[in-house]
Amino acid sequence: PQGGRASGGPGSARRRSPLLHSPAASATGGERRASLNTELKLPCGLGAVAVTAVSPQVDDAQSTVSVEFTPTIPHCSMATLIGLSIKVKLLRSLPERFKLDVHITPGTHASEHAVNKQLADKERVAAALENSHLLEVVNQCLSARS
């Protein structure tokens, strides 16, 4: 699945607002990979409901980043929020040239197909990020420390 960024239209995730940009976007390739490996452990304020594994794959030459995550339980109701939080972290941390693919590890979630479809849909992600309440929850997830 292609999980790239939304088109540059109104409300798109590609727009560079203070909410979707961080100084980490200017890090060098090696720094970006190290940051992904440590920060994508999702220190989310969701308590014990998080992920058991996050596997980022970065292809700098092809400008692609693929992140596979495994929810702690097969019926985790927070899987979409976790995936969205990972995607937002990547949007904030990587240059715009990268195409993103965030998905659940195959066979590890009851609604894997539906969640992956939502995370791959550029317009749905952009719409989610326009929802101030949902964006606040995502920001809380990304700012919490374990």
Protein backbone atom coordinates (compact mmCIF):
# COMPACT_ATOMS: atom_id res chain seq x y z
CA PRO A 1 0.00 0.00 0.00
CA GLN A 2 1.11 3.50 -0.77
CA GLY A 3 1.02 5.55 2.40
CA GLY A 4 2.50 8.76 1.10
CA ARG A 5 1.58 12.21 2.14
CA ALA A 6 -1.61 13.97 1.25
CA SER A 7 -1.75 16.29 -1.72
CA GLY A 8 -1.07 19.93 -1.13
CA GLY A 9 -4.77 20.95 -1.08
CA PRO A 10 -6.51 22.68 1.82
CA GLY A 11 -6.29 20.73 5.04
CA SER A 12 -3.70 18.35 3.71
CA ALA A 13 -1.07 16.71 5.86
CA ARG A 14 1.56 18.12 3.48
CA ARG A 15 0.92 21.66 4.67
CA ARG A 16 3.70 22.84 6.95
CA SER A 17 2.03 24.17 10.05
CA PRO A 18 3.60 24.39 13.51
CA LEU A 19 1.60 21.30 14.43
CA LEU A 20 3.09 19.17 11.65
CA HIS A 21 6.66 20.31 11.56
CA SER A 22 9.57 19.90 13.89
CA PRO A 23 13.28 20.76 13.83
CA ALA A 24 13.98 17.03 13.54
CA ALA A 25 13.01 17.26 9.86
CA SER A 26 16.40 18.77 9.11
CA ALA A 27 18.37 15.93 10.72
CA THR A 28 20.82 13.97 8.59
CA GLY A 29 19.92 10.48 7.34
CA GLY A 30 21.75 8.68 10.14
CA GLU A 31 20.19 10.91 12.78
CA ARG A 32 16.72 10.30 11.30
CA ARG A 33 17.17 6.52 11.45
CA ALA A 34 18.41 6.66 15.04
CA SER A 35 15.49 8.90 15.96
CA LEU A 36 13.00 6.51 14.36
CA ASN A 37 14.45 3.54 16.16
CA THR A 38 14.27 5.18 19.58
CA GLU A 39 11.28 7.52 19.36
CA LEU A 40 8.87 5.22 17.56
CA LYS A 41 8.55 3.06 20.61
CA LEU A 42 5.48 5.25 20.98
CA PRO A 43 5.75 6.47 24.56
CA CYS A 44 2.03 7.07 24.34
CA GLY A 45 -0.03 8.06 27.33
CA LEU A 46 -2.20 5.01 26.71
CA GLY A 47 -0.82 3.03 29.65
CA ALA A 48 -0.25 -0.64 28.93
CA VAL A 49 -2.15 -0.43 25.65
CA ALA A 50 0.56 0.29 23.13
CA VAL A 51 2.59 -1.91 20.84
CA THR A 52 4.80 -4.93 21.32
CA ALA A 53 6.99 -4.10 18.32
CA VAL A 54 7.70 -1.27 15.90
CA SER A 55 9.77 -2.09 12.85
CA PRO A 56 10.82 0.91 10.74
CA GLN A 57 12.37 0.36 7.30
CA VAL A 58 14.01 3.42 5.77
CA ASP A 59 15.10 3.53 2.13
CA ASP A 60 16.78 6.90 1.71
CA ALA A 61 17.57 6.29 -1.99
CA GLN A 62 13.91 5.54 -2.79
CA SER A 63 12.61 8.14 -0.29
CA THR A 64 10.36 5.64 1.44
CA VAL A 65 9.70 4.80 5.07
CA SER A 66 7.67 1.77 6.05
CA VAL A 67 6.71 1.17 9.66
CA GLU A 68 5.08 -2.04 10.79
CA PHE A 69 3.66 -2.10 14.31
CA THR A 70 2.17 -4.86 16.43
CA PRO A 71 -0.61 -3.97 18.88
CA THR A 72 -0.40 -5.69 22.27
CA ILE A 73 -3.68 -7.57 21.75
CA PRO A 74 -5.57 -8.68 18.61
CA HIS A 75 -8.65 -6.58 19.47
CA CYS A 76 -6.81 -3.41 20.53
CA SER A 77 -9.28 -0.55 20.14
CA MET A 78 -6.43 1.95 20.00
CA ALA A 79 -4.73 0.49 16.90
CA THR A 80 -5.86 3.30 14.59
CA LEU A 81 -4.79 5.98 17.07
CA ILE A 82 -1.42 4.27 17.53
CA GLY A 83 -0.91 4.07 13.76
CA LEU A 84 -1.98 7.69 13.30
CA SER A 85 0.42 8.77 16.06
CA ILE A 86 3.28 6.95 14.36
CA LYS A 87 2.36 8.53 11.02
CA VAL A 88 2.21 12.03 12.56
CA LYS A 89 5.60 11.47 14.21
CA LEU A 90 7.03 10.59 10.80
CA LEU A 91 5.33 13.54 9.09
CA ARG A 92 6.88 15.86 11.67
CA SER A 93 10.32 14.24 11.59
CA LEU A 94 11.04 13.52 7.95
CA PRO A 95 11.45 15.73 4.89
CA GLU A 96 8.42 15.93 2.60
CA ARG A 97 10.13 13.83 -0.08
CA PHE A 98 9.52 10.63 1.89
CA LYS A 99 6.53 8.43 1.09
CA LEU A 100 5.13 6.86 4.22
CA ASP A 101 3.60 3.45 4.82
CA VAL A 102 2.40 2.74 8.36
CA HIS A 103 0.65 -0.58 8.86
CA ILE A 104 -0.16 -3.30 11.36
CA THR A 105 1.99 -6.44 11.27
CA PRO A 106 0.04 -9.00 9.21
CA GLY A 107 -2.01 -11.41 11.29
CA THR A 108 -1.73 -9.51 14.58
CA HIS A 109 -5.01 -7.56 14.74
CA ALA A 110 -8.64 -8.51 14.17
CA SER A 111 -9.32 -5.36 12.11
CA GLU A 112 -5.91 -5.21 10.44
CA HIS A 113 -7.25 -4.61 6.92
CA ALA A 114 -9.62 -1.80 7.96
CA VAL A 115 -7.00 -0.05 10.10
CA ASN A 116 -4.34 -0.33 7.38
CA LYS A 117 -6.80 1.04 4.81
CA GLN A 118 -7.52 4.07 7.02
CA LEU A 119 -3.83 4.73 7.64
CA ALA A 120 -3.04 4.52 3.91
CA ASP A 121 -5.86 6.89 2.92
CA LYS A 122 -4.26 10.33 2.52
CA GLU A 123 -7.57 12.20 2.71
CA ARG A 124 -8.67 10.38 5.89
CA VAL A 125 -5.36 11.12 7.58
CA ALA A 126 -5.56 14.79 6.54
CA ALA A 127 -9.16 15.00 7.81
CA ALA A 128 -8.17 13.37 11.10
CA LEU A 129 -5.43 15.95 11.56
CA GLU A 130 -7.94 18.75 10.99
CA ASN A 131 -10.02 17.45 13.91
CA SER A 132 -8.70 19.54 16.80
CA HIS A 133 -9.73 17.04 19.48
CA LEU A 134 -8.11 14.09 17.71
CA LEU A 135 -4.97 16.13 16.98
CA GLU A 136 -4.78 17.02 20.68
CA VAL A 137 -4.97 13.32 21.61
CA VAL A 138 -2.24 12.47 19.07
CA ASN A 139 -0.08 15.30 20.44
CA GLN A 140 -0.56 13.97 23.96
CA CYS A 141 0.50 10.52 22.81
CA LEU A 142 3.63 11.90 21.22
CA SER A 143 4.57 14.17 24.11
CA ALA A 144 4.10 11.59 26.90
CA ARG A 145 7.26 9.94 28.21
CA SER A 146 7.48 6.45 29.61
